Every structure is written in C-alpha cells, then in structure tokens.
Amino acid sequence: GNTESGIELLRGQLGYRVVNNTVYQAVGDGVLLQSGAHDVQLTNNILWVNSGGAVNVAGDSQVGFRSDYNLFYLTGAGRVAVWDGRAYTSRVDWAYELGQDQHSVVANPLFVDPDGADNLLGYTGGVDHGLDDNFHLQAGSLAVDRGDPLSYALAEPWPNGGRADLGAYGNTVQANASPGQEVQVLSPNGLEKFEVGGGATIRWRAAG
C-alpha cells in the first residue's frame, strides 16, 4: 500500500536473487534498483504496476542485471521497465534491445481478490487491512506453470506440472494444482524472427 516501490535493492556485496515474489504496486515502481545494486536476477515474479515501472534500473545498477520468466501486468501509465531513465512500454522493445524477459509474459495474473472482502488494500489509514487480501491465482491464470523450467517445483501439490508457478505461492504448498496432463511449447514463444524457407527448432515439455 505504499507509493514508492514494492522491492528496493541497493548496493549489495554479493548481488541479489529475487525469486517468486508478488508485487502489487498501485503507485510507484515494482522493483527498484539504485545506489550501485549489481548482479541482480529477477525470476518467477509477478509484477503489477499502475503508474510506475515494473522494473526500474538506475544507470549505476545495470552491471550483471538479468530478468526473465516473470509476469507483468500494466494498467494506466504502467511500464514494463525503466532503464537509466528510459521507459520501455512494451516487452517486445525491452527484449529486443536489452535481451531481458524473453520468456516472460504480459497478462492479468487473475488474483483471487487483491483488496479482500473489505475492499481495502494492505495498510490504509494506519490500519492493517491486509489479512483478507488474497493474491492466490485463479484457475486459468497464465502464471500457473510458467516459471523457469530449471526452478524447483517439488513443494507444489500434485499434480504440479513439474514446473513452478509464478508469484509468491510458486514452489509452495499453496500453489495452484496443474492440469493432469499438459504440453507446453517453450520456444518459439512469439518474439523470434525467422526467414522464409529456413529451419527452426521447437522446444516443448510435457507433464502427466
């Protein structure tokens, strides 16, 4: 419920791995890197922003930065990323120009009820109204079984599709159940470019 940033990363001796988080940021940035943050890896996160950047990386915090297998949901003036002050409004430009989030997706994560039965998000007026805020995923969410294929998913209830969900409940007992049988195409995933008459490799995985 703040108006600045969901996750703020500053200079760290060993860098950061930011994995399986859910950030719902009505005002401000989802993840903010500044003051010399380095070697930051963003994976398996859900970042919902209404006005700022889902990811905002200052010029002094670009070294070693990698972001992939995330879900972005943007409303209003929300942007996928801000890189040293330059705004990227689409994942396509972000991926083509900087090579980031090539396997990520822009979609509504379909949370069950972000502001809960009282329709008040988190801390409001100095009172914690967050106990009924529900950021679990509805059935049909594109965040289910969308994590990095190399991430752990063994803690998820069976059937778990052999692949972690995105967001805070990925690789936990509170993750959504997966279909009993599924086939997923990993690549091409929509951003590749091919020449007519040329060959292409299709990567896919199956569960169940």
N, C-alpha and C. Protein backbone atom coordinates (compact mmCIF):
# COMPACT_ATOMS: atom_id res chain seq x y z
N GLY A 1 0.79 -1.21 0.00
CA GLY A 1 0.00 0.00 0.00
C GLY A 1 0.83 1.27 0.00
N ASN A 2 2.15 1.17 -0.25
CA ASN A 2 2.97 2.38 -0.25
C ASN A 2 2.94 3.03 -1.62
N THR A 3 3.56 4.19 -1.75
CA THR A 3 3.53 4.94 -3.00
C THR A 3 4.93 5.11 -3.59
N GLU A 4 5.86 4.24 -3.22
CA GLU A 4 7.24 4.37 -3.69
C GLU A 4 7.66 3.15 -4.51
N SER A 5 7.88 2.03 -3.86
CA SER A 5 8.32 0.83 -4.57
C SER A 5 7.98 -0.41 -3.75
N GLY A 6 7.76 -1.52 -4.46
CA GLY A 6 7.47 -2.77 -3.78
C GLY A 6 8.71 -3.40 -3.19
N ILE A 7 9.77 -3.48 -4.01
CA ILE A 7 11.06 -4.03 -3.59
C ILE A 7 12.13 -3.05 -4.02
N GLU A 8 12.98 -2.63 -3.07
CA GLU A 8 14.05 -1.69 -3.37
C GLU A 8 15.38 -2.35 -3.07
N LEU A 9 16.26 -2.40 -4.06
CA LEU A 9 17.57 -3.05 -3.92
C LEU A 9 18.67 -2.01 -4.07
N LEU A 10 19.56 -1.99 -3.09
CA LEU A 10 20.70 -1.07 -3.08
C LEU A 10 21.98 -1.87 -3.23
N ARG A 11 23.10 -1.21 -3.06
CA ARG A 11 24.39 -1.89 -3.20
C ARG A 11 24.47 -3.09 -2.26
N GLY A 12 24.80 -4.22 -2.82
CA GLY A 12 24.97 -5.43 -2.02
C GLY A 12 26.26 -6.12 -2.41
N GLN A 13 26.98 -6.67 -1.46
CA GLN A 13 28.30 -7.25 -1.74
C GLN A 13 28.21 -8.41 -2.72
N LEU A 14 27.17 -9.22 -2.60
CA LEU A 14 27.09 -10.42 -3.43
C LEU A 14 25.96 -10.36 -4.45
N GLY A 15 25.28 -9.25 -4.58
CA GLY A 15 24.16 -9.19 -5.51
C GLY A 15 22.90 -9.79 -4.91
N TYR A 16 21.86 -9.94 -5.74
CA TYR A 16 20.56 -10.40 -5.25
C TYR A 16 19.93 -11.38 -6.24
N ARG A 17 19.23 -12.37 -5.71
CA ARG A 17 18.32 -13.21 -6.48
C ARG A 17 16.92 -12.95 -5.96
N VAL A 18 16.07 -12.40 -6.81
CA VAL A 18 14.70 -12.06 -6.44
C VAL A 18 13.79 -13.06 -7.14
N VAL A 19 13.31 -14.05 -6.39
CA VAL A 19 12.63 -15.21 -6.98
C VAL A 19 11.27 -15.41 -6.32
N ASN A 20 10.23 -15.63 -7.15
CA ASN A 20 8.89 -15.96 -6.68
C ASN A 20 8.34 -14.95 -5.68
N ASN A 21 8.22 -13.71 -6.13
CA ASN A 21 7.57 -12.66 -5.36
C ASN A 21 6.33 -12.17 -6.10
N THR A 22 5.37 -11.67 -5.34
CA THR A 22 4.21 -10.99 -5.90
C THR A 22 4.24 -9.55 -5.44
N VAL A 23 4.30 -8.62 -6.39
CA VAL A 23 4.30 -7.19 -6.08
C VAL A 23 3.09 -6.56 -6.76
N TYR A 24 2.25 -5.94 -5.95
CA TYR A 24 1.07 -5.23 -6.44
C TYR A 24 1.25 -3.77 -6.04
N GLN A 25 1.68 -2.94 -7.01
CA GLN A 25 2.09 -1.58 -6.70
C GLN A 25 1.18 -0.60 -7.42
N ALA A 26 0.23 -0.03 -6.69
CA ALA A 26 -0.71 0.92 -7.31
C ALA A 26 -0.01 2.20 -7.73
N VAL A 27 0.94 2.66 -6.91
CA VAL A 27 1.69 3.88 -7.21
C VAL A 27 3.16 3.59 -6.98
N GLY A 28 4.02 3.97 -7.93
CA GLY A 28 5.44 3.74 -7.78
C GLY A 28 5.90 2.53 -8.59
N ASP A 29 7.15 2.11 -8.36
CA ASP A 29 7.77 1.04 -9.12
C ASP A 29 7.60 -0.31 -8.42
N GLY A 30 7.58 -1.37 -9.22
CA GLY A 30 7.50 -2.70 -8.65
C GLY A 30 8.81 -3.10 -7.99
N VAL A 31 9.89 -3.08 -8.78
CA VAL A 31 11.24 -3.40 -8.28
C VAL A 31 12.15 -2.25 -8.68
N LEU A 32 12.84 -1.67 -7.71
CA LEU A 32 13.70 -0.51 -7.94
C LEU A 32 15.14 -0.87 -7.59
N LEU A 33 16.04 -0.69 -8.56
CA LEU A 33 17.47 -0.92 -8.34
C LEU A 33 18.18 0.43 -8.43
N GLN A 34 18.95 0.76 -7.38
CA GLN A 34 19.67 2.03 -7.39
C GLN A 34 20.85 1.97 -6.42
N SER A 35 21.64 3.03 -6.39
CA SER A 35 22.78 3.17 -5.47
C SER A 35 23.77 2.02 -5.62
N GLY A 36 24.02 1.60 -6.86
CA GLY A 36 25.07 0.61 -7.09
C GLY A 36 24.66 -0.83 -6.88
N ALA A 37 23.37 -1.14 -6.93
CA ALA A 37 22.99 -2.56 -6.89
C ALA A 37 23.59 -3.26 -8.11
N HIS A 38 24.01 -4.52 -7.95
CA HIS A 38 24.64 -5.21 -9.07
C HIS A 38 24.34 -6.70 -9.00
N ASP A 39 24.50 -7.37 -10.13
CA ASP A 39 24.28 -8.81 -10.22
C ASP A 39 22.92 -9.20 -9.66
N VAL A 40 21.89 -8.50 -10.12
CA VAL A 40 20.52 -8.77 -9.69
C VAL A 40 19.85 -9.68 -10.71
N GLN A 41 19.21 -10.74 -10.23
CA GLN A 41 18.47 -11.65 -11.09
C GLN A 41 17.02 -11.69 -10.64
N LEU A 42 16.11 -11.39 -11.55
CA LEU A 42 14.68 -11.42 -11.28
C LEU A 42 14.07 -12.61 -12.01
N THR A 43 13.47 -13.53 -11.27
CA THR A 43 12.93 -14.74 -11.87
C THR A 43 11.64 -15.15 -11.17
N ASN A 44 10.65 -15.56 -11.96
CA ASN A 44 9.41 -16.16 -11.45
C ASN A 44 8.56 -15.19 -10.63
N ASN A 45 8.66 -13.90 -10.91
CA ASN A 45 7.91 -12.92 -10.15
C ASN A 45 6.65 -12.46 -10.90
N ILE A 46 5.66 -11.99 -10.15
CA ILE A 46 4.50 -11.30 -10.70
C ILE A 46 4.61 -9.84 -10.28
N LEU A 47 4.65 -8.94 -11.27
CA LEU A 47 4.83 -7.51 -11.01
C LEU A 47 3.67 -6.75 -11.64
N TRP A 48 2.80 -6.21 -10.80
CA TRP A 48 1.62 -5.46 -11.24
C TRP A 48 1.84 -4.00 -10.86
N VAL A 49 1.87 -3.11 -11.84
CA VAL A 49 2.04 -1.69 -11.57
C VAL A 49 1.01 -0.89 -12.34
N ASN A 50 0.55 0.19 -11.72
CA ASN A 50 -0.47 1.05 -12.32
C ASN A 50 0.09 2.36 -12.85
N SER A 51 1.27 2.77 -12.37
CA SER A 51 1.77 4.07 -12.80
C SER A 51 3.28 4.10 -13.03
N GLY A 52 4.04 3.32 -12.31
CA GLY A 52 5.50 3.34 -12.44
C GLY A 52 6.01 2.27 -13.38
N GLY A 53 7.27 1.88 -13.17
CA GLY A 53 7.85 0.80 -13.95
C GLY A 53 7.79 -0.51 -13.17
N ALA A 54 7.46 -1.59 -13.84
CA ALA A 54 7.51 -2.88 -13.15
C ALA A 54 8.93 -3.13 -12.65
N VAL A 55 9.92 -2.74 -13.48
CA VAL A 55 11.32 -2.80 -13.09
C VAL A 55 11.94 -1.45 -13.42
N ASN A 56 12.64 -0.85 -12.46
CA ASN A 56 13.30 0.44 -12.67
C ASN A 56 14.77 0.28 -12.27
N VAL A 57 15.66 0.35 -13.28
CA VAL A 57 17.08 0.12 -13.05
C VAL A 57 17.84 1.42 -13.29
N ALA A 58 18.47 1.95 -12.25
CA ALA A 58 19.25 3.17 -12.38
C ALA A 58 20.53 2.89 -13.17
N GLY A 59 21.14 3.94 -13.71
CA GLY A 59 22.34 3.79 -14.51
C GLY A 59 23.49 3.15 -13.78
N ASP A 60 23.54 3.31 -12.45
CA ASP A 60 24.65 2.74 -11.67
C ASP A 60 24.35 1.32 -11.16
N SER A 61 23.26 0.72 -11.64
CA SER A 61 22.85 -0.59 -11.12
C SER A 61 22.59 -1.60 -12.24
N GLN A 62 23.21 -1.40 -13.39
CA GLN A 62 22.95 -2.26 -14.55
C GLN A 62 23.87 -3.46 -14.64
N VAL A 63 25.02 -3.42 -13.97
CA VAL A 63 26.01 -4.49 -14.10
C VAL A 63 25.43 -5.82 -13.60
N GLY A 64 25.47 -6.83 -14.46
CA GLY A 64 25.04 -8.17 -14.08
C GLY A 64 23.53 -8.34 -13.96
N PHE A 65 22.75 -7.37 -14.42
CA PHE A 65 21.29 -7.47 -14.28
C PHE A 65 20.73 -8.46 -15.28
N ARG A 66 19.86 -9.35 -14.79
CA ARG A 66 19.15 -10.29 -15.65
C ARG A 66 17.72 -10.45 -15.16
N SER A 67 16.78 -10.49 -16.11
CA SER A 67 15.37 -10.64 -15.76
C SER A 67 14.70 -11.54 -16.78
N ASP A 68 14.00 -12.59 -16.31
CA ASP A 68 13.30 -13.48 -17.22
C ASP A 68 12.31 -14.35 -16.45
N TYR A 69 11.38 -14.94 -17.19
CA TYR A 69 10.34 -15.80 -16.62
C TYR A 69 9.55 -15.06 -15.54
N ASN A 70 9.08 -13.86 -15.88
CA ASN A 70 8.24 -13.08 -14.99
C ASN A 70 6.92 -12.79 -15.67
N LEU A 71 5.94 -12.36 -14.91
CA LEU A 71 4.67 -11.89 -15.46
C LEU A 71 4.50 -10.43 -15.09
N PHE A 72 4.21 -9.61 -16.11
CA PHE A 72 3.96 -8.19 -15.91
C PHE A 72 2.48 -7.90 -16.18
N TYR A 73 1.89 -7.09 -15.32
CA TYR A 73 0.54 -6.59 -15.61
C TYR A 73 0.57 -5.09 -15.43
N LEU A 74 0.24 -4.37 -16.49
CA LEU A 74 0.39 -2.92 -16.53
C LEU A 74 -0.96 -2.28 -16.77
N THR A 75 -1.32 -1.32 -15.95
CA THR A 75 -2.54 -0.55 -16.17
C THR A 75 -2.16 0.93 -16.12
N GLY A 76 -3.05 1.78 -16.62
CA GLY A 76 -2.79 3.21 -16.58
C GLY A 76 -1.49 3.55 -17.28
N ALA A 77 -0.60 4.23 -16.56
CA ALA A 77 0.69 4.63 -17.11
C ALA A 77 1.80 3.64 -16.77
N GLY A 78 1.43 2.44 -16.36
CA GLY A 78 2.43 1.44 -16.01
C GLY A 78 3.30 1.06 -17.19
N ARG A 79 4.58 0.79 -16.93
CA ARG A 79 5.54 0.44 -17.97
C ARG A 79 6.27 -0.85 -17.57
N VAL A 80 6.69 -1.60 -18.57
CA VAL A 80 7.43 -2.82 -18.28
C VAL A 80 8.72 -2.50 -17.53
N ALA A 81 9.45 -1.49 -18.00
CA ALA A 81 10.73 -1.20 -17.38
C ALA A 81 11.14 0.25 -17.62
N VAL A 82 12.01 0.71 -16.74
CA VAL A 82 12.71 1.98 -16.92
C VAL A 82 14.19 1.67 -16.76
N TRP A 83 14.98 1.97 -17.80
CA TRP A 83 16.41 1.63 -17.82
C TRP A 83 17.21 2.91 -17.92
N ASP A 84 17.83 3.31 -16.82
CA ASP A 84 18.60 4.55 -16.78
C ASP A 84 17.76 5.72 -17.28
N GLY A 85 16.52 5.77 -16.84
CA GLY A 85 15.63 6.87 -17.18
C GLY A 85 14.82 6.68 -18.44
N ARG A 86 15.16 5.70 -19.27
CA ARG A 86 14.40 5.45 -20.49
C ARG A 86 13.30 4.46 -20.24
N ALA A 87 12.07 4.81 -20.60
CA ALA A 87 10.91 3.95 -20.35
C ALA A 87 10.71 2.97 -21.50
N TYR A 88 10.43 1.73 -21.16
CA TYR A 88 10.05 0.69 -22.12
C TYR A 88 8.60 0.31 -21.84
N THR A 89 7.75 0.66 -22.76
CA THR A 89 6.31 0.43 -22.55
C THR A 89 5.87 -0.95 -23.02
N SER A 90 6.71 -1.64 -23.78
CA SER A 90 6.34 -2.97 -24.25
C SER A 90 7.46 -3.96 -23.98
N ARG A 91 7.09 -5.20 -23.74
CA ARG A 91 8.10 -6.25 -23.51
C ARG A 91 8.89 -6.52 -24.77
N VAL A 92 8.29 -6.31 -25.94
CA VAL A 92 8.98 -6.55 -27.19
C VAL A 92 10.24 -5.68 -27.29
N ASP A 93 10.10 -4.38 -27.06
CA ASP A 93 11.26 -3.48 -27.13
C ASP A 93 12.28 -3.82 -26.05
N TRP A 94 11.80 -4.10 -24.86
CA TRP A 94 12.66 -4.46 -23.72
C TRP A 94 13.49 -5.71 -24.05
N ALA A 95 12.85 -6.68 -24.71
CA ALA A 95 13.54 -7.93 -25.04
C ALA A 95 14.48 -7.76 -26.22
N TYR A 96 14.04 -7.07 -27.27
CA TYR A 96 14.88 -6.91 -28.46
C TYR A 96 16.10 -6.05 -28.20
N GLU A 97 15.93 -4.96 -27.48
CA GLU A 97 17.02 -4.01 -27.30
C GLU A 97 18.00 -4.42 -26.21
N LEU A 98 17.48 -5.01 -25.13
CA LEU A 98 18.36 -5.33 -23.99
C LEU A 98 18.42 -6.82 -23.67
N GLY A 99 17.64 -7.63 -24.37
CA GLY A 99 17.68 -9.07 -24.15
C GLY A 99 17.04 -9.54 -22.86
N GLN A 100 16.21 -8.70 -22.25
CA GLN A 100 15.59 -9.05 -20.97
C GLN A 100 14.19 -9.63 -21.18
N ASP A 101 13.81 -10.55 -20.29
CA ASP A 101 12.44 -11.10 -20.21
C ASP A 101 11.96 -11.68 -21.54
N GLN A 102 12.84 -12.43 -22.18
CA GLN A 102 12.46 -13.05 -23.45
C GLN A 102 11.44 -14.17 -23.28
N HIS A 103 11.35 -14.73 -22.07
CA HIS A 103 10.39 -15.80 -21.81
C HIS A 103 9.29 -15.35 -20.84
N SER A 104 9.19 -14.07 -20.61
CA SER A 104 8.17 -13.55 -19.70
C SER A 104 6.88 -13.30 -20.46
N VAL A 105 5.86 -12.82 -19.76
CA VAL A 105 4.56 -12.60 -20.38
C VAL A 105 3.94 -11.35 -19.77
N VAL A 106 3.14 -10.65 -20.57
CA VAL A 106 2.35 -9.52 -20.09
C VAL A 106 0.89 -9.96 -20.09
N ALA A 107 0.29 -10.07 -18.91
CA ALA A 107 -1.07 -10.57 -18.80
C ALA A 107 -1.62 -10.28 -17.41
N ASN A 108 -2.93 -10.34 -17.29
CA ASN A 108 -3.57 -10.25 -15.98
C ASN A 108 -3.31 -11.54 -15.22
N PRO A 109 -2.70 -11.48 -14.03
CA PRO A 109 -2.40 -12.71 -13.30
C PRO A 109 -3.64 -13.40 -12.73
N LEU A 110 -4.78 -12.71 -12.75
CA LEU A 110 -6.04 -13.27 -12.22
C LEU A 110 -5.91 -13.62 -10.73
N PHE A 111 -5.59 -12.63 -9.92
CA PHE A 111 -5.60 -12.82 -8.47
C PHE A 111 -7.03 -13.08 -8.00
N VAL A 112 -7.16 -13.80 -6.91
CA VAL A 112 -8.49 -14.11 -6.39
C VAL A 112 -9.20 -12.85 -5.92
N ASP A 113 -8.55 -12.04 -5.07
CA ASP A 113 -9.17 -10.81 -4.56
C ASP A 113 -8.10 -9.95 -3.89
N PRO A 114 -7.40 -9.10 -4.66
CA PRO A 114 -6.25 -8.37 -4.11
C PRO A 114 -6.57 -7.49 -2.91
N ASP A 115 -7.73 -6.84 -2.88
CA ASP A 115 -8.02 -5.95 -1.74
C ASP A 115 -9.00 -6.57 -0.75
N GLY A 116 -9.30 -7.85 -0.88
CA GLY A 116 -10.08 -8.56 0.10
C GLY A 116 -11.54 -8.17 0.18
N ALA A 117 -12.23 -8.79 1.12
CA ALA A 117 -13.67 -8.56 1.28
C ALA A 117 -13.99 -7.14 1.71
N ASP A 118 -13.04 -6.46 2.40
CA ASP A 118 -13.30 -5.10 2.86
C ASP A 118 -12.96 -4.05 1.81
N ASN A 119 -12.45 -4.51 0.65
CA ASN A 119 -12.08 -3.61 -0.45
C ASN A 119 -11.04 -2.56 -0.06
N LEU A 120 -10.17 -2.91 0.90
CA LEU A 120 -9.10 -2.03 1.33
C LEU A 120 -7.79 -2.80 1.24
N LEU A 121 -6.83 -2.23 0.49
CA LEU A 121 -5.57 -2.92 0.24
C LEU A 121 -4.56 -2.63 1.34
N GLY A 122 -4.03 -3.68 1.95
CA GLY A 122 -2.92 -3.54 2.89
C GLY A 122 -3.18 -2.52 3.97
N TYR A 123 -2.16 -1.70 4.26
CA TYR A 123 -2.29 -0.66 5.27
C TYR A 123 -3.04 0.53 4.67
N THR A 124 -4.13 0.89 5.26
CA THR A 124 -4.92 2.03 4.82
C THR A 124 -5.29 2.85 6.05
N GLY A 125 -4.92 4.12 6.06
CA GLY A 125 -5.22 4.96 7.21
C GLY A 125 -4.54 4.50 8.48
N GLY A 126 -3.36 3.87 8.35
CA GLY A 126 -2.63 3.41 9.53
C GLY A 126 -3.13 2.10 10.10
N VAL A 127 -4.09 1.47 9.44
CA VAL A 127 -4.66 0.21 9.93
C VAL A 127 -4.35 -0.89 8.92
N ASP A 128 -3.98 -2.07 9.42
CA ASP A 128 -3.66 -3.19 8.55
C ASP A 128 -4.95 -3.88 8.10
N HIS A 129 -5.28 -3.67 6.83
CA HIS A 129 -6.44 -4.34 6.25
C HIS A 129 -6.01 -5.48 5.33
N GLY A 130 -4.76 -5.90 5.46
CA GLY A 130 -4.21 -6.88 4.53
C GLY A 130 -4.53 -8.32 4.83
N LEU A 131 -5.10 -8.62 5.99
CA LEU A 131 -5.31 -10.02 6.35
C LEU A 131 -6.26 -10.74 5.41
N ASP A 132 -7.18 -9.99 4.76
CA ASP A 132 -8.12 -10.65 3.84
C ASP A 132 -7.74 -10.42 2.38
N ASP A 133 -6.60 -9.76 2.13
CA ASP A 133 -6.15 -9.57 0.74
C ASP A 133 -5.67 -10.92 0.20
N ASN A 134 -6.17 -11.30 -0.96
CA ASN A 134 -5.92 -12.65 -1.46
C ASN A 134 -5.22 -12.60 -2.81
N PHE A 135 -3.93 -12.92 -2.82
CA PHE A 135 -3.13 -12.88 -4.05
C PHE A 135 -2.87 -14.28 -4.60
N HIS A 136 -3.69 -15.25 -4.22
CA HIS A 136 -3.63 -16.55 -4.87
C HIS A 136 -4.12 -16.40 -6.31
N LEU A 137 -3.78 -17.37 -7.12
CA LEU A 137 -4.13 -17.33 -8.54
C LEU A 137 -5.42 -18.08 -8.79
N GLN A 138 -6.25 -17.51 -9.66
CA GLN A 138 -7.43 -18.21 -10.09
C GLN A 138 -7.06 -19.28 -11.11
N ALA A 139 -7.95 -20.26 -11.28
CA ALA A 139 -7.75 -21.25 -12.33
C ALA A 139 -7.74 -20.53 -13.68
N GLY A 140 -6.86 -20.94 -14.54
CA GLY A 140 -6.75 -20.31 -15.85
C GLY A 140 -5.73 -19.19 -15.91
N SER A 141 -5.10 -18.84 -14.78
CA SER A 141 -4.08 -17.80 -14.79
C SER A 141 -2.87 -18.25 -15.60
N LEU A 142 -2.32 -17.34 -16.40
CA LEU A 142 -1.12 -17.65 -17.17
C LEU A 142 0.12 -17.75 -16.28
N ALA A 143 -0.02 -17.41 -15.00
CA ALA A 143 1.11 -17.54 -14.08
C ALA A 143 1.29 -18.97 -13.58
N VAL A 144 0.31 -19.84 -13.82
CA VAL A 144 0.42 -21.23 -13.39
C VAL A 144 1.36 -21.98 -14.33
N ASP A 145 2.32 -22.71 -13.77
CA ASP A 145 3.29 -23.49 -14.55
C ASP A 145 4.02 -22.62 -15.57
N ARG A 146 4.45 -21.43 -15.16
CA ARG A 146 5.09 -20.51 -16.08
C ARG A 146 6.51 -20.17 -15.65
N GLY A 147 6.99 -20.75 -14.56
CA GLY A 147 8.30 -20.39 -14.03
C GLY A 147 9.44 -20.93 -14.88
N ASP A 148 10.64 -20.53 -14.54
CA ASP A 148 11.83 -21.03 -15.20
C ASP A 148 11.82 -22.57 -15.12
N PRO A 149 11.93 -23.26 -16.25
CA PRO A 149 11.88 -24.73 -16.20
C PRO A 149 12.94 -25.35 -15.30
N LEU A 150 14.00 -24.60 -14.98
CA LEU A 150 15.05 -25.12 -14.10
C LEU A 150 14.77 -24.83 -12.62
N SER A 151 13.69 -24.11 -12.33
CA SER A 151 13.36 -23.80 -10.93
C SER A 151 12.70 -25.01 -10.26
N TYR A 152 12.81 -25.08 -8.95
CA TYR A 152 12.19 -26.16 -8.20
C TYR A 152 10.68 -26.00 -8.16
N ALA A 153 9.97 -27.12 -8.23
CA ALA A 153 8.51 -27.12 -8.13
C ALA A 153 8.02 -28.25 -7.23
N LEU A 154 8.93 -28.95 -6.56
CA LEU A 154 8.57 -30.16 -5.82
C LEU A 154 7.67 -29.89 -4.63
N ALA A 155 7.68 -28.64 -4.10
CA ALA A 155 6.85 -28.34 -2.94
C ALA A 155 5.39 -28.11 -3.31
N GLU A 156 5.10 -27.96 -4.60
CA GLU A 156 3.73 -27.70 -5.02
C GLU A 156 2.90 -28.98 -4.96
N PRO A 157 1.59 -28.86 -4.67
CA PRO A 157 0.74 -30.05 -4.57
C PRO A 157 0.62 -30.76 -5.91
N TRP A 158 0.41 -32.06 -5.84
CA TRP A 158 0.28 -32.86 -7.05
C TRP A 158 -1.16 -32.82 -7.57
N PRO A 159 -1.37 -32.70 -8.88
CA PRO A 159 -0.35 -32.59 -9.94
C PRO A 159 0.21 -31.17 -10.02
N ASN A 160 1.52 -31.06 -10.17
CA ASN A 160 2.14 -29.74 -10.21
C ASN A 160 2.74 -29.39 -11.56
N GLY A 161 2.55 -30.26 -12.53
CA GLY A 161 3.03 -29.96 -13.87
C GLY A 161 4.53 -30.01 -14.01
N GLY A 162 5.24 -30.26 -12.91
CA GLY A 162 6.69 -30.31 -12.98
C GLY A 162 7.33 -28.96 -13.24
N ARG A 163 6.56 -27.88 -13.01
CA ARG A 163 7.07 -26.54 -13.28
C ARG A 163 6.45 -25.57 -12.28
N ALA A 164 7.24 -24.69 -11.72
CA ALA A 164 6.78 -23.79 -10.67
C ALA A 164 5.82 -22.74 -11.21
N ASP A 165 4.85 -22.36 -10.37
CA ASP A 165 4.01 -21.20 -10.66
C ASP A 165 4.82 -19.93 -10.44
N LEU A 166 4.37 -18.85 -11.06
CA LEU A 166 4.96 -17.54 -10.79
C LEU A 166 4.34 -16.96 -9.53
N GLY A 167 5.03 -16.00 -8.93
CA GLY A 167 4.49 -15.30 -7.78
C GLY A 167 4.85 -15.94 -6.46
N ALA A 168 4.28 -15.38 -5.40
CA ALA A 168 4.67 -15.75 -4.04
C ALA A 168 4.35 -17.19 -3.66
N TYR A 169 3.39 -17.82 -4.36
CA TYR A 169 2.99 -19.17 -3.96
C TYR A 169 3.62 -20.24 -4.83
N GLY A 170 4.48 -19.83 -5.79
CA GLY A 170 5.19 -20.82 -6.59
C GLY A 170 6.14 -21.64 -5.74
N ASN A 171 6.19 -22.94 -6.00
CA ASN A 171 7.00 -23.89 -5.24
C ASN A 171 6.67 -23.87 -3.75
N THR A 172 5.39 -23.71 -3.43
CA THR A 172 4.91 -23.83 -2.06
C THR A 172 3.66 -24.72 -2.07
N VAL A 173 3.23 -25.12 -0.89
CA VAL A 173 2.05 -25.98 -0.80
C VAL A 173 0.77 -25.23 -1.16
N GLN A 174 0.85 -23.88 -1.28
CA GLN A 174 -0.32 -23.09 -1.63
C GLN A 174 -0.42 -22.81 -3.13
N ALA A 175 0.44 -23.42 -3.92
CA ALA A 175 0.40 -23.23 -5.37
C ALA A 175 -0.86 -23.88 -5.94
N ASN A 176 -1.27 -23.40 -7.11
CA ASN A 176 -2.42 -23.99 -7.78
C ASN A 176 -2.10 -25.38 -8.31
N ALA A 177 -3.10 -26.24 -8.30
CA ALA A 177 -2.93 -27.54 -8.93
C ALA A 177 -2.87 -27.36 -10.44
N SER A 178 -2.07 -28.17 -11.09
CA SER A 178 -1.91 -28.11 -12.53
C SER A 178 -2.86 -29.10 -13.20
N PRO A 179 -3.08 -28.96 -14.50
CA PRO A 179 -3.87 -29.98 -15.21
C PRO A 179 -3.20 -31.34 -15.08
N GLY A 180 -4.00 -32.39 -15.13
CA GLY A 180 -3.45 -33.73 -15.03
C GLY A 180 -2.51 -34.06 -16.16
N GLN A 181 -2.77 -33.50 -17.32
CA GLN A 181 -1.91 -33.68 -18.47
C GLN A 181 -1.76 -32.34 -19.18
N GLU A 182 -0.54 -32.00 -19.58
CA GLU A 182 -0.34 -30.77 -20.32
C GLU A 182 0.92 -30.85 -21.17
N VAL A 183 0.89 -30.13 -22.27
CA VAL A 183 2.04 -29.97 -23.15
C VAL A 183 2.26 -28.48 -23.32
N GLN A 184 3.46 -28.01 -23.11
CA GLN A 184 3.78 -26.59 -23.24
C GLN A 184 4.89 -26.40 -24.28
N VAL A 185 4.70 -25.46 -25.20
CA VAL A 185 5.73 -25.07 -26.14
C VAL A 185 6.59 -24.01 -25.46
N LEU A 186 7.88 -24.27 -25.32
CA LEU A 186 8.79 -23.33 -24.67
C LEU A 186 9.35 -22.32 -25.68
N SER A 187 9.63 -22.78 -26.88
CA SER A 187 10.08 -21.87 -27.93
C SER A 187 9.81 -22.52 -29.28
N PRO A 188 9.48 -21.72 -30.29
CA PRO A 188 9.33 -20.26 -30.29
C PRO A 188 8.19 -19.81 -29.37
N ASN A 189 8.35 -18.60 -28.81
CA ASN A 189 7.33 -18.10 -27.90
C ASN A 189 6.77 -16.75 -28.33
N GLY A 190 7.04 -16.34 -29.56
CA GLY A 190 6.40 -15.13 -30.08
C GLY A 190 7.33 -13.99 -30.40
N LEU A 191 8.56 -14.00 -29.91
CA LEU A 191 9.48 -12.89 -30.15
C LEU A 191 10.57 -13.22 -31.17
N GLU A 192 10.66 -14.49 -31.57
CA GLU A 192 11.71 -14.88 -32.50
C GLU A 192 11.41 -14.34 -33.91
N LYS A 193 12.46 -14.24 -34.70
CA LYS A 193 12.33 -13.85 -36.10
C LYS A 193 12.94 -14.94 -36.97
N PHE A 194 12.23 -15.33 -38.02
CA PHE A 194 12.68 -16.40 -38.89
C PHE A 194 12.63 -15.94 -40.34
N GLU A 195 13.47 -16.56 -41.17
CA GLU A 195 13.43 -16.31 -42.60
C GLU A 195 12.60 -17.38 -43.28
N VAL A 196 11.83 -16.96 -44.27
CA VAL A 196 11.03 -17.92 -45.03
C VAL A 196 11.94 -18.97 -45.65
N GLY A 197 11.58 -20.23 -45.48
CA GLY A 197 12.38 -21.32 -46.03
C GLY A 197 13.46 -21.81 -45.10
N GLY A 198 13.70 -21.10 -44.02
CA GLY A 198 14.72 -21.52 -43.06
C GLY A 198 14.17 -22.50 -42.05
N GLY A 199 15.03 -23.07 -41.26
CA GLY A 199 14.63 -24.03 -40.24
C GLY A 199 14.46 -23.37 -38.89
N ALA A 200 13.74 -24.04 -38.02
CA ALA A 200 13.53 -23.54 -36.67
C ALA A 200 13.42 -24.74 -35.72
N THR A 201 14.00 -24.60 -34.55
CA THR A 201 13.93 -25.65 -33.54
C THR A 201 12.78 -25.36 -32.59
N ILE A 202 11.94 -26.35 -32.36
CA ILE A 202 10.82 -26.21 -31.43
C ILE A 202 11.16 -26.96 -30.15
N ARG A 203 11.10 -26.26 -29.02
CA ARG A 203 11.34 -26.87 -27.71
C ARG A 203 10.01 -26.96 -26.98
N TRP A 204 9.74 -28.13 -26.41
CA TRP A 204 8.49 -28.30 -25.70
C TRP A 204 8.70 -29.23 -24.51
N ARG A 205 7.75 -29.22 -23.61
CA ARG A 205 7.80 -30.11 -22.45
C ARG A 205 6.41 -30.65 -22.19
N ALA A 206 6.36 -31.79 -21.53
CA ALA A 206 5.07 -32.42 -21.24
C ALA A 206 5.07 -32.91 -19.79
N ALA A 207 3.89 -32.96 -19.21
CA ALA A 207 3.72 -33.48 -17.85
C ALA A 207 2.45 -34.34 -17.82
N GLY A 208 2.49 -35.45 -17.11
CA GLY A 208 1.31 -36.30 -16.99
C GLY A 208 1.08 -37.20 -18.19
